Amino acid sequence: FLAVVANATDILLSRHEKRFRLQKQHVLLGIFFSEAGTELLRRFIGFDENINQLRQTMTFEAEWPEKQFTTLSQILDDYCYDVDSNKGNLDELRDFLKDRGTILLRLLESPYLLEHESFTELLRAVFHLREELLNRKDLDSLPQSDYQHLSGDIRRAYRLLARHWLEYLRHLKELFPYLFSLAVRMNPFDRNSSPVIK
């Protein structure tokens, strides 16, 4: 009897700890998108040659049903992220990532996010891109081979970030409708995005 009680207690504690870790992860993801992620995605979009194909699909209303998130996830998985580092502004991207270095490092140090392997992979990709850009003094006169290399680094981080952004919105819609409303209004894929409710 005592063994059964002890086992049940362990299960309940384990579930409670898992819920607590997930809550912490979602809070930290919220900080990431508020402080860096949404704006970083907007900047990555500026390097995307095919973005007009995606804009219409990724511009949506706050009333979206759950199945639309599943459809969009598949679209993002199949999408060709045709990044050209010559198209966007590398200097602005470098300055943005330089300014966000502290918050990104704090997030990477969090034990709660280390358990979230796919998000840790995203942070590593962003840090790698940041390091690549910061180690180049002049981003306007690089050989084409180096621009292609930077395009690959942007593409890697862009693909991961777009998927995490969508999953973050799905979480907000389910649990925090008021935060979801703002996230939809600030949609980086929408050229006319604005926090102002019209």
C-alpha atoms as a PDB file:
ATOM      1  CA  PHE A   1       0.000   0.000   0.000  1.00  0.00           C
ATOM      2  CA  LEU A   2       2.803   2.426   0.946  1.00  0.00           C
ATOM      3  CA  ALA A   3       4.613   1.568  -2.282  1.00  0.00           C
ATOM      4  CA  VAL A   4       1.505   2.386  -4.318  1.00  0.00           C
ATOM      5  CA  VAL A   5       1.032   5.696  -2.489  1.00  0.00           C
ATOM      6  CA  ALA A   6       4.711   6.570  -2.972  1.00  0.00           C
ATOM      7  CA  ASN A   7       4.495   5.732  -6.677  1.00  0.00           C
ATOM      8  CA  ALA A   8       1.342   7.835  -7.139  1.00  0.00           C
ATOM      9  CA  THR A   9       2.998  10.735  -5.290  1.00  0.00           C
ATOM     10  CA  ASP A  10       6.045  10.501  -7.558  1.00  0.00           C
ATOM     11  CA  ILE A  11       3.821  10.587 -10.634  1.00  0.00           C
ATOM     12  CA  LEU A  12       1.926  13.646  -9.381  1.00  0.00           C
ATOM     13  CA  LEU A  13       5.150  15.466  -8.486  1.00  0.00           C
ATOM     14  CA  SER A  14       6.641  14.591 -11.866  1.00  0.00           C
ATOM     15  CA  ARG A  15       3.579  16.004 -13.669  1.00  0.00           C
ATOM     16  CA  HIS A  16       3.671  19.143 -11.532  1.00  0.00           C
ATOM     17  CA  GLU A  17       7.377  19.668 -12.263  1.00  0.00           C
ATOM     18  CA  LYS A  18       6.805  19.133 -15.983  1.00  0.00           C
ATOM     19  CA  ARG A  19       3.973  21.693 -16.005  1.00  0.00           C
ATOM     20  CA  PHE A  20       6.170  24.145 -14.082  1.00  0.00           C
ATOM     21  CA  ARG A  21       9.041  23.701 -16.567  1.00  0.00           C
ATOM     22  CA  LEU A  22       6.709  24.209 -19.519  1.00  0.00           C
ATOM     23  CA  GLN A  23       5.302  27.378 -17.961  1.00  0.00           C
ATOM     24  CA  LYS A  24       8.830  28.711 -17.462  1.00  0.00           C
ATOM     25  CA  GLN A  25       9.716  27.843 -21.051  1.00  0.00           C
ATOM     26  CA  HIS A  26       6.691  29.712 -22.379  1.00  0.00           C
ATOM     27  CA  VAL A  27       7.476  32.781 -20.280  1.00  0.00           C
ATOM     28  CA  LEU A  28      11.033  32.805 -21.628  1.00  0.00           C
ATOM     29  CA  LEU A  29       9.798  32.300 -25.191  1.00  0.00           C
ATOM     30  CA  GLY A  30       7.510  35.292 -24.665  1.00  0.00           C
ATOM     31  CA  ILE A  31      10.473  37.393 -23.554  1.00  0.00           C
ATOM     32  CA  PHE A  32      12.469  36.248 -26.580  1.00  0.00           C
ATOM     33  CA  PHE A  33       9.767  37.200 -29.081  1.00  0.00           C
ATOM     34  CA  SER A  34       8.990  40.461 -27.299  1.00  0.00           C
ATOM     35  CA  GLU A  35      12.619  41.580 -27.067  1.00  0.00           C
ATOM     36  CA  ALA A  36      14.118  40.121 -30.239  1.00  0.00           C
ATOM     37  CA  GLY A  37      12.327  37.318 -32.074  1.00  0.00           C
ATOM     38  CA  THR A  38       9.475  39.139 -33.812  1.00  0.00           C
ATOM     39  CA  GLU A  39      11.669  41.983 -35.026  1.00  0.00           C
ATOM     40  CA  LEU A  40      14.419  39.557 -36.058  1.00  0.00           C
ATOM     41  CA  LEU A  41      11.896  37.616 -38.132  1.00  0.00           C
ATOM     42  CA  ARG A  42      10.814  40.863 -39.788  1.00  0.00           C
ATOM     43  CA  ARG A  43      14.446  41.560 -40.692  1.00  0.00           C
ATOM     44  CA  PHE A  44      15.005  38.050 -42.052  1.00  0.00           C
ATOM     45  CA  ILE A  45      11.934  38.481 -44.254  1.00  0.00           C
ATOM     46  CA  GLY A  46      13.735  41.392 -45.898  1.00  0.00           C
ATOM     47  CA  PHE A  47      16.302  38.935 -47.303  1.00  0.00           C
ATOM     48  CA  ASP A  48      13.701  36.498 -48.665  1.00  0.00           C
ATOM     49  CA  GLU A  49      13.394  36.488 -52.465  1.00  0.00           C
ATOM     50  CA  ASN A  50      10.121  34.498 -52.392  1.00  0.00           C
ATOM     51  CA  ILE A  51       8.418  36.350 -49.551  1.00  0.00           C
ATOM     52  CA  ASN A  52       5.437  37.491 -51.651  1.00  0.00           C
ATOM     53  CA  GLN A  53       4.411  33.823 -51.931  1.00  0.00           C
ATOM     54  CA  LEU A  54       4.305  33.581 -48.152  1.00  0.00           C
ATOM     55  CA  ARG A  55       2.918  36.964 -47.110  1.00  0.00           C
ATOM     56  CA  GLN A  56      -0.665  36.309 -48.123  1.00  0.00           C
ATOM     57  CA  THR A  57      -0.748  32.922 -46.403  1.00  0.00           C
ATOM     58  CA  MET A  58       0.865  34.180 -43.197  1.00  0.00           C
ATOM     59  CA  THR A  59      -1.387  37.223 -42.806  1.00  0.00           C
ATOM     60  CA  PHE A  60      -4.340  36.093 -40.720  1.00  0.00           C
ATOM     61  CA  GLU A  61      -6.994  37.160 -38.272  1.00  0.00           C
ATOM     62  CA  ALA A  62      -7.310  36.557 -34.536  1.00  0.00           C
ATOM     63  CA  GLU A  63     -10.250  34.186 -35.126  1.00  0.00           C
ATOM     64  CA  TRP A  64      -8.148  31.503 -36.772  1.00  0.00           C
ATOM     65  CA  PRO A  65      -9.223  27.927 -35.979  1.00  0.00           C
ATOM     66  CA  GLU A  66      -6.705  25.401 -34.654  1.00  0.00           C
ATOM     67  CA  LYS A  67      -6.551  23.452 -37.931  1.00  0.00           C
ATOM     68  CA  GLN A  68      -5.148  26.517 -39.708  1.00  0.00           C
ATOM     69  CA  PHE A  69      -2.044  26.350 -37.523  1.00  0.00           C
ATOM     70  CA  THR A  70      -1.499  22.752 -38.625  1.00  0.00           C
ATOM     71  CA  THR A  71      -1.865  23.813 -42.263  1.00  0.00           C
ATOM     72  CA  LEU A  72       0.576  26.692 -41.814  1.00  0.00           C
ATOM     73  CA  SER A  73       3.110  24.465 -40.084  1.00  0.00           C
ATOM     74  CA  GLN A  74       3.131  22.253 -43.165  1.00  0.00           C
ATOM     75  CA  ILE A  75       3.444  25.272 -45.447  1.00  0.00           C
ATOM     76  CA  LEU A  76       6.465  26.507 -43.497  1.00  0.00           C
ATOM     77  CA  ASP A  77       8.018  23.039 -43.588  1.00  0.00           C
ATOM     78  CA  ASP A  78       7.662  22.904 -47.381  1.00  0.00           C
ATOM     79  CA  TYR A  79       8.532  26.538 -48.058  1.00  0.00           C
ATOM     80  CA  CYS A  80      11.678  27.373 -50.021  1.00  0.00           C
ATOM     81  CA  TYR A  81      13.542  29.945 -47.937  1.00  0.00           C
ATOM     82  CA  ASP A  82      15.320  31.650 -50.851  1.00  0.00           C
ATOM     83  CA  VAL A  83      17.559  34.001 -48.892  1.00  0.00           C
ATOM     84  CA  ASP A  84      19.853  36.489 -50.598  1.00  0.00           C
ATOM     85  CA  SER A  85      22.150  38.345 -48.190  1.00  0.00           C
ATOM     86  CA  ASN A  86      22.654  41.052 -50.850  1.00  0.00           C
ATOM     87  CA  LYS A  87      18.949  41.881 -50.840  1.00  0.00           C
ATOM     88  CA  GLY A  88      18.486  43.002 -47.215  1.00  0.00           C
ATOM     89  CA  ASN A  89      20.494  45.327 -45.003  1.00  0.00           C
ATOM     90  CA  LEU A  90      23.321  43.359 -43.373  1.00  0.00           C
ATOM     91  CA  ASP A  91      24.590  46.352 -41.406  1.00  0.00           C
ATOM     92  CA  GLU A  92      21.215  46.852 -39.721  1.00  0.00           C
ATOM     93  CA  LEU A  93      20.924  43.135 -39.033  1.00  0.00           C
ATOM     94  CA  ARG A  94      24.398  43.096 -37.470  1.00  0.00           C
ATOM     95  CA  ASP A  95      23.614  46.139 -35.282  1.00  0.00           C
ATOM     96  CA  PHE A  96      20.311  44.607 -34.193  1.00  0.00           C
ATOM     97  CA  LEU A  97      21.939  41.313 -33.189  1.00  0.00           C
ATOM     98  CA  LYS A  98      24.778  43.145 -31.476  1.00  0.00           C
ATOM     99  CA  ASP A  99      22.310  45.138 -29.367  1.00  0.00           C
ATOM    100  CA  ARG A 100      20.368  41.986 -28.419  1.00  0.00           C
ATOM    101  CA  GLY A 101      23.447  40.011 -27.381  1.00  0.00           C
ATOM    102  CA  THR A 102      22.778  40.202 -23.634  1.00  0.00           C
ATOM    103  CA  ILE A 103      19.175  39.006 -23.750  1.00  0.00           C
ATOM    104  CA  LEU A 104      20.059  36.186 -26.154  1.00  0.00           C
ATOM    105  CA  LEU A 105      22.887  35.061 -23.892  1.00  0.00           C
ATOM    106  CA  ARG A 106      20.632  35.125 -20.810  1.00  0.00           C
ATOM    107  CA  LEU A 107      18.090  32.965 -22.609  1.00  0.00           C
ATOM    108  CA  LEU A 108      20.741  30.512 -23.745  1.00  0.00           C
ATOM    109  CA  GLU A 109      21.943  30.171 -20.144  1.00  0.00           C
ATOM    110  CA  SER A 110      18.471  29.264 -18.860  1.00  0.00           C
ATOM    111  CA  PRO A 111      18.239  25.614 -17.730  1.00  0.00           C
ATOM    112  CA  TYR A 112      14.546  25.627 -18.658  1.00  0.00           C
ATOM    113  CA  LEU A 113      15.282  26.431 -22.294  1.00  0.00           C
ATOM    114  CA  LEU A 114      18.173  23.988 -22.497  1.00  0.00           C
ATOM    115  CA  GLU A 115      15.530  21.268 -22.188  1.00  0.00           C
ATOM    116  CA  HIS A 116      13.769  22.764 -25.223  1.00  0.00           C
ATOM    117  CA  GLU A 117      16.181  21.378 -27.806  1.00  0.00           C
ATOM    118  CA  SER A 118      14.667  22.908 -30.937  1.00  0.00           C
ATOM    119  CA  PHE A 119      14.616  26.392 -29.401  1.00  0.00           C
ATOM    120  CA  THR A 120      18.208  25.956 -28.205  1.00  0.00           C
ATOM    121  CA  GLU A 121      19.080  25.067 -31.802  1.00  0.00           C
ATOM    122  CA  LEU A 122      17.438  28.321 -32.918  1.00  0.00           C
ATOM    123  CA  LEU A 123      19.421  30.356 -30.392  1.00  0.00           C
ATOM    124  CA  ARG A 124      22.660  28.709 -31.521  1.00  0.00           C
ATOM    125  CA  ALA A 125      21.853  29.505 -35.145  1.00  0.00           C
ATOM    126  CA  VAL A 126      21.157  33.151 -34.252  1.00  0.00           C
ATOM    127  CA  PHE A 127      24.343  33.391 -32.178  1.00  0.00           C
ATOM    128  CA  HIS A 128      26.372  31.901 -35.012  1.00  0.00           C
ATOM    129  CA  LEU A 129      24.945  34.438 -37.470  1.00  0.00           C
ATOM    130  CA  ARG A 130      25.649  37.228 -34.979  1.00  0.00           C
ATOM    131  CA  GLU A 131      29.266  36.107 -34.630  1.00  0.00           C
ATOM    132  CA  GLU A 132      29.718  35.844 -38.396  1.00  0.00           C
ATOM    133  CA  LEU A 133      28.413  39.381 -38.926  1.00  0.00           C
ATOM    134  CA  LEU A 134      30.340  40.933 -36.041  1.00  0.00           C
ATOM    135  CA  ASN A 135      33.619  39.485 -37.317  1.00  0.00           C
ATOM    136  CA  ARG A 136      33.334  41.262 -40.666  1.00  0.00           C
ATOM    137  CA  LYS A 137      34.405  44.900 -40.641  1.00  0.00           C
ATOM    138  CA  ASP A 138      32.908  45.876 -43.994  1.00  0.00           C
ATOM    139  CA  LEU A 139      29.732  44.104 -45.070  1.00  0.00           C
ATOM    140  CA  ASP A 140      29.455  46.115 -48.299  1.00  0.00           C
ATOM    141  CA  SER A 141      32.501  44.758 -50.123  1.00  0.00           C
ATOM    142  CA  LEU A 142      32.595  41.004 -49.520  1.00  0.00           C
ATOM    143  CA  PRO A 143      33.258  38.413 -52.230  1.00  0.00           C
ATOM    144  CA  GLN A 144      30.152  36.747 -53.644  1.00  0.00           C
ATOM    145  CA  SER A 145      31.181  33.451 -52.069  1.00  0.00           C
ATOM    146  CA  ASP A 146      31.013  35.085 -48.634  1.00  0.00           C
ATOM    147  CA  TYR A 147      27.590  36.583 -49.327  1.00  0.00           C
ATOM    148  CA  GLN A 148      26.433  33.081 -50.230  1.00  0.00           C
ATOM    149  CA  HIS A 149      27.834  31.815 -46.933  1.00  0.00           C
ATOM    150  CA  LEU A 150      25.968  34.506 -44.998  1.00  0.00           C
ATOM    151  CA  SER A 151      22.811  33.690 -46.965  1.00  0.00           C
ATOM    152  CA  GLY A 152      23.075  30.120 -45.679  1.00  0.00           C
ATOM    153  CA  ASP A 153      23.507  31.306 -42.081  1.00  0.00           C
ATOM    154  CA  ILE A 154      20.481  33.610 -42.358  1.00  0.00           C
ATOM    155  CA  ARG A 155      18.424  30.852 -43.992  1.00  0.00           C
ATOM    156  CA  ARG A 156      19.152  28.417 -41.159  1.00  0.00           C
ATOM    157  CA  ALA A 157      18.079  30.866 -38.449  1.00  0.00           C
ATOM    158  CA  TYR A 158      15.119  32.170 -40.499  1.00  0.00           C
ATOM    159  CA  ARG A 159      13.620  28.701 -41.036  1.00  0.00           C
ATOM    160  CA  LEU A 160      13.867  27.817 -37.343  1.00  0.00           C
ATOM    161  CA  LEU A 161      12.563  31.207 -36.218  1.00  0.00           C
ATOM    162  CA  ALA A 162       9.511  31.140 -38.502  1.00  0.00           C
ATOM    163  CA  ARG A 163       8.432  27.746 -37.147  1.00  0.00           C
ATOM    164  CA  HIS A 164       8.927  28.798 -33.520  1.00  0.00           C
ATOM    165  CA  TRP A 165       7.018  32.018 -34.100  1.00  0.00           C
ATOM    166  CA  LEU A 166       4.039  30.070 -35.397  1.00  0.00           C
ATOM    167  CA  GLU A 167       4.151  27.622 -32.478  1.00  0.00           C
ATOM    168  CA  TYR A 168       4.394  30.532 -30.063  1.00  0.00           C
ATOM    169  CA  LEU A 169       1.265  32.101 -31.608  1.00  0.00           C
ATOM    170  CA  ARG A 170      -0.556  28.791 -31.301  1.00  0.00           C
ATOM    171  CA  HIS A 171       0.308  28.696 -27.596  1.00  0.00           C
ATOM    172  CA  LEU A 172      -0.869  32.290 -27.096  1.00  0.00           C
ATOM    173  CA  LYS A 173      -4.159  31.661 -28.876  1.00  0.00           C
ATOM    174  CA  GLU A 174      -4.853  28.678 -26.669  1.00  0.00           C
ATOM    175  CA  LEU A 175      -3.960  30.220 -23.295  1.00  0.00           C
ATOM    176  CA  PHE A 176      -3.550  33.995 -23.613  1.00  0.00           C
ATOM    177  CA  PRO A 177      -5.979  35.508 -26.163  1.00  0.00           C
ATOM    178  CA  TYR A 178      -5.055  39.085 -25.252  1.00  0.00           C
ATOM    179  CA  LEU A 179      -1.376  38.408 -26.006  1.00  0.00           C
ATOM    180  CA  PHE A 180      -2.360  36.586 -29.182  1.00  0.00           C
ATOM    181  CA  SER A 181      -4.325  39.636 -30.322  1.00  0.00           C
ATOM    182  CA  LEU A 182      -1.232  41.852 -30.063  1.00  0.00           C
ATOM    183  CA  ALA A 183       0.995  39.222 -31.701  1.00  0.00           C
ATOM    184  CA  VAL A 184      -1.387  39.048 -34.677  1.00  0.00           C
ATOM    185  CA  ARG A 185      -1.431  42.834 -34.999  1.00  0.00           C
ATOM    186  CA  MET A 186       2.408  42.832 -34.937  1.00  0.00           C
ATOM    187  CA  ASN A 187       2.661  39.999 -37.484  1.00  0.00           C
ATOM    188  CA  PRO A 188       6.080  40.442 -39.165  1.00  0.00           C
ATOM    189  CA  PHE A 189       4.759  38.909 -42.408  1.00  0.00           C
ATOM    190  CA  ASP A 190       2.134  41.648 -42.707  1.00  0.00           C
ATOM    191  CA  ARG A 191       3.430  44.810 -44.409  1.00  0.00           C
ATOM    192  CA  ASN A 192       0.687  46.835 -42.713  1.00  0.00           C
ATOM    193  CA  SER A 193       1.157  45.450 -39.203  1.00  0.00           C
ATOM    194  CA  SER A 194       0.477  47.932 -36.420  1.00  0.00           C
ATOM    195  CA  PRO A 195      -0.316  47.667 -32.698  1.00  0.00           C
ATOM    196  CA  VAL A 196      -3.115  50.206 -33.216  1.00  0.00           C
ATOM    197  CA  ILE A 197      -6.578  48.661 -33.299  1.00  0.00           C
ATOM    198  CA  LYS A 198      -8.528  50.079 -36.246  1.00  0.00           C
END
